[in-house]
Amino acid sequence: MNANKALELGFCDEIMFQPVAHAEPAENSFVFSRRAVTNSLLDKLRAKVPKPPVTPEQPKTKASDLDKRLALLK
């Protein structure tokens, strides 16, 4: 929270030290969004994580073949 937002919300009566050129309070003095911060952090983390190498698709094994192999172990 900055001084303009504190004044706007009634946490103070006035701003003590403010430059003359910047005397007008800004309309959007402070905007905070947890979702925006979280998404920004996740985007930065995703950029750092290496992507797994692309491997050719493995041939699929039928369930009946797996049952036969399991029966050999018994």
N, C-alpha and C. Protein backbone atom coordinates (compact mmCIF):
# COMPACT_ATOMS: atom_id res chain seq x y z
N MET A 1 0.85 -1.16 0.00
CA MET A 1 0.00 0.00 0.00
C MET A 1 0.90 1.23 0.00
N ASN A 2 0.56 2.20 -0.82
CA ASN A 2 1.34 3.43 -0.83
C ASN A 2 0.55 4.53 -0.12
N ALA A 3 1.13 5.70 -0.04
CA ALA A 3 0.52 6.80 0.71
C ALA A 3 -0.82 7.23 0.11
N ASN A 4 -0.92 7.26 -1.21
CA ASN A 4 -2.17 7.65 -1.85
C ASN A 4 -3.29 6.67 -1.53
N LYS A 5 -2.98 5.39 -1.54
CA LYS A 5 -3.99 4.37 -1.24
C LYS A 5 -4.40 4.45 0.23
N ALA A 6 -3.44 4.69 1.13
CA ALA A 6 -3.75 4.84 2.55
C ALA A 6 -4.67 6.03 2.79
N LEU A 7 -4.41 7.13 2.10
CA LEU A 7 -5.26 8.31 2.21
C LEU A 7 -6.66 8.01 1.68
N GLU A 8 -6.71 7.33 0.55
CA GLU A 8 -7.99 6.98 -0.07
C GLU A 8 -8.83 6.08 0.83
N LEU A 9 -8.20 5.16 1.53
CA LEU A 9 -8.92 4.22 2.39
C LEU A 9 -9.15 4.76 3.80
N GLY A 10 -8.66 5.96 4.09
CA GLY A 10 -8.90 6.57 5.39
C GLY A 10 -7.95 6.15 6.49
N PHE A 11 -6.80 5.58 6.14
CA PHE A 11 -5.82 5.19 7.14
C PHE A 11 -4.98 6.38 7.61
N CYS A 12 -5.04 7.51 6.89
CA CYS A 12 -4.30 8.70 7.29
C CYS A 12 -5.10 9.93 6.88
N ASP A 13 -4.71 11.09 7.43
CA ASP A 13 -5.42 12.34 7.13
C ASP A 13 -4.83 13.07 5.93
N GLU A 14 -3.51 13.02 5.83
CA GLU A 14 -2.84 13.70 4.73
C GLU A 14 -1.49 13.05 4.46
N ILE A 15 -0.91 13.39 3.31
CA ILE A 15 0.42 12.92 2.96
C ILE A 15 1.38 14.03 3.31
N MET A 16 2.35 13.74 4.18
CA MET A 16 3.24 14.78 4.69
C MET A 16 4.24 15.28 3.65
N PHE A 17 4.93 14.39 2.99
CA PHE A 17 5.99 14.78 2.07
C PHE A 17 5.63 14.29 0.67
N GLN A 18 5.16 15.19 -0.15
CA GLN A 18 4.80 14.84 -1.53
C GLN A 18 5.28 15.95 -2.44
N PRO A 19 6.00 15.60 -3.50
CA PRO A 19 6.48 16.63 -4.43
C PRO A 19 5.32 17.42 -5.02
N VAL A 20 5.54 18.70 -5.30
CA VAL A 20 4.49 19.57 -5.83
C VAL A 20 4.03 19.10 -7.20
N ALA A 21 4.93 18.65 -8.03
CA ALA A 21 4.57 18.21 -9.38
C ALA A 21 3.69 16.96 -9.35
N HIS A 22 3.73 16.22 -8.27
CA HIS A 22 2.99 14.96 -8.18
C HIS A 22 1.92 15.05 -7.10
N ALA A 23 1.33 16.25 -6.92
CA ALA A 23 0.39 16.49 -5.83
C ALA A 23 -0.95 15.79 -6.06
N GLU A 24 -1.33 15.53 -7.31
CA GLU A 24 -2.60 14.88 -7.58
C GLU A 24 -2.50 13.38 -7.28
N PRO A 25 -3.47 12.83 -6.53
CA PRO A 25 -3.43 11.39 -6.28
C PRO A 25 -3.70 10.62 -7.57
N ALA A 26 -2.97 9.58 -7.75
CA ALA A 26 -3.15 8.75 -8.95
C ALA A 26 -4.45 7.96 -8.83
N GLU A 27 -5.11 7.74 -9.96
CA GLU A 27 -6.36 6.99 -9.93
C GLU A 27 -6.12 5.54 -9.52
N ASN A 28 -5.16 4.91 -10.14
CA ASN A 28 -4.79 3.54 -9.78
C ASN A 28 -3.52 3.59 -8.97
N SER A 29 -3.64 4.03 -7.72
CA SER A 29 -2.44 4.23 -6.92
C SER A 29 -1.75 2.92 -6.61
N PHE A 30 -2.51 1.85 -6.44
CA PHE A 30 -1.88 0.57 -6.15
C PHE A 30 -2.86 -0.54 -6.52
N VAL A 31 -2.40 -1.47 -7.31
CA VAL A 31 -3.23 -2.60 -7.71
C VAL A 31 -2.46 -3.87 -7.39
N PHE A 32 -3.10 -4.78 -6.67
CA PHE A 32 -2.45 -6.03 -6.28
C PHE A 32 -3.39 -7.18 -6.57
N SER A 33 -2.89 -8.19 -7.21
CA SER A 33 -3.68 -9.37 -7.51
C SER A 33 -2.86 -10.60 -7.19
N ARG A 34 -3.32 -11.38 -6.24
CA ARG A 34 -2.61 -12.61 -5.88
C ARG A 34 -2.49 -13.54 -7.08
N ARG A 35 -3.55 -13.63 -7.85
CA ARG A 35 -3.55 -14.52 -9.00
C ARG A 35 -2.50 -14.08 -10.02
N ALA A 36 -2.40 -12.77 -10.26
CA ALA A 36 -1.41 -12.27 -11.22
C ALA A 36 0.01 -12.55 -10.74
N VAL A 37 0.25 -12.37 -9.45
CA VAL A 37 1.57 -12.64 -8.90
C VAL A 37 1.90 -14.12 -8.99
N THR A 38 0.93 -14.97 -8.64
CA THR A 38 1.14 -16.42 -8.70
C THR A 38 1.41 -16.86 -10.13
N ASN A 39 0.61 -16.37 -11.07
CA ASN A 39 0.80 -16.76 -12.47
C ASN A 39 2.15 -16.28 -13.00
N SER A 40 2.56 -15.10 -12.61
CA SER A 40 3.85 -14.58 -13.04
C SER A 40 4.99 -15.47 -12.53
N LEU A 41 4.90 -15.86 -11.26
CA LEU A 41 5.92 -16.74 -10.69
C LEU A 41 5.93 -18.10 -11.38
N LEU A 42 4.76 -18.66 -11.62
CA LEU A 42 4.70 -19.96 -12.28
C LEU A 42 5.25 -19.90 -13.70
N ASP A 43 4.99 -18.81 -14.40
CA ASP A 43 5.53 -18.65 -15.76
C ASP A 43 7.06 -18.63 -15.74
N LYS A 44 7.62 -17.94 -14.75
CA LYS A 44 9.08 -17.88 -14.63
C LYS A 44 9.66 -19.25 -14.29
N LEU A 45 8.97 -19.99 -13.43
CA LEU A 45 9.44 -21.33 -13.07
C LEU A 45 9.36 -22.29 -14.25
N ARG A 46 8.26 -22.21 -15.00
CA ARG A 46 8.10 -23.08 -16.18
C ARG A 46 9.19 -22.82 -17.22
N ALA A 47 9.61 -21.57 -17.32
CA ALA A 47 10.65 -21.23 -18.29
C ALA A 47 11.99 -21.85 -17.89
N LYS A 48 12.22 -22.07 -16.60
CA LYS A 48 13.49 -22.62 -16.12
C LYS A 48 13.54 -24.14 -16.16
N VAL A 49 12.38 -24.80 -16.10
CA VAL A 49 12.34 -26.27 -16.06
C VAL A 49 12.59 -26.82 -17.45
N PRO A 50 13.58 -27.70 -17.62
CA PRO A 50 13.82 -28.27 -18.95
C PRO A 50 12.70 -29.21 -19.34
N LYS A 51 12.37 -29.18 -20.61
CA LYS A 51 11.31 -30.06 -21.12
C LYS A 51 11.90 -31.45 -21.36
N PRO A 52 11.13 -32.50 -21.08
CA PRO A 52 11.65 -33.85 -21.32
C PRO A 52 11.87 -34.09 -22.81
N PRO A 53 12.87 -34.87 -23.15
CA PRO A 53 13.11 -35.14 -24.58
C PRO A 53 11.96 -35.94 -25.17
N VAL A 54 11.72 -35.71 -26.42
CA VAL A 54 10.65 -36.41 -27.13
C VAL A 54 11.17 -37.79 -27.51
N THR A 55 10.48 -38.83 -27.08
CA THR A 55 10.87 -40.20 -27.41
C THR A 55 9.82 -40.81 -28.31
N PRO A 56 10.22 -41.73 -29.15
CA PRO A 56 9.23 -42.38 -30.00
C PRO A 56 8.25 -43.16 -29.14
N GLU A 57 7.03 -43.24 -29.62
CA GLU A 57 5.98 -43.93 -28.86
C GLU A 57 6.29 -45.42 -28.76
N GLN A 58 6.17 -45.95 -27.55
CA GLN A 58 6.41 -47.37 -27.31
C GLN A 58 5.25 -48.19 -27.87
N PRO A 59 5.54 -49.36 -28.42
CA PRO A 59 4.44 -50.20 -28.90
C PRO A 59 3.58 -50.64 -27.72
N LYS A 60 2.30 -50.69 -27.93
CA LYS A 60 1.37 -51.04 -26.87
C LYS A 60 1.25 -52.55 -26.75
N THR A 61 1.19 -53.03 -25.51
CA THR A 61 1.06 -54.46 -25.24
C THR A 61 -0.39 -54.76 -24.86
N LYS A 62 -0.94 -55.82 -25.43
CA LYS A 62 -2.33 -56.19 -25.14
C LYS A 62 -2.41 -56.78 -23.74
N ALA A 63 -3.56 -56.59 -23.10
CA ALA A 63 -3.78 -57.10 -21.75
C ALA A 63 -3.73 -58.62 -21.72
N SER A 64 -4.21 -59.27 -22.78
CA SER A 64 -4.20 -60.74 -22.80
C SER A 64 -2.76 -61.26 -22.81
N ASP A 65 -1.85 -60.56 -23.53
CA ASP A 65 -0.44 -60.97 -23.53
C ASP A 65 0.18 -60.80 -22.15
N LEU A 66 -0.20 -59.75 -21.47
CA LEU A 66 0.32 -59.54 -20.11
C LEU A 66 -0.21 -60.60 -19.15
N ASP A 67 -1.47 -60.99 -19.31
CA ASP A 67 -2.03 -62.06 -18.48
C ASP A 67 -1.27 -63.36 -18.68
N LYS A 68 -0.91 -63.67 -19.93
CA LYS A 68 -0.16 -64.89 -20.22
C LYS A 68 1.22 -64.86 -19.54
N ARG A 69 1.88 -63.72 -19.60
CA ARG A 69 3.20 -63.59 -18.97
C ARG A 69 3.10 -63.67 -17.46
N LEU A 70 2.02 -63.12 -16.91
CA LEU A 70 1.82 -63.21 -15.46
C LEU A 70 1.56 -64.65 -15.02
N ALA A 71 0.84 -65.40 -15.85
CA ALA A 71 0.56 -66.82 -15.52
C ALA A 71 1.85 -67.62 -15.51
N LEU A 72 2.85 -67.25 -16.28
CA LEU A 72 4.13 -67.97 -16.28
C LEU A 72 4.87 -67.80 -14.96
N LEU A 73 4.62 -66.68 -14.26
CA LEU A 73 5.30 -66.45 -13.00
C LEU A 73 4.73 -67.27 -11.84
N LYS A 74 3.52 -67.73 -11.99
CA LYS A 74 2.85 -68.48 -10.91
C LYS A 74 3.32 -69.89 -10.82
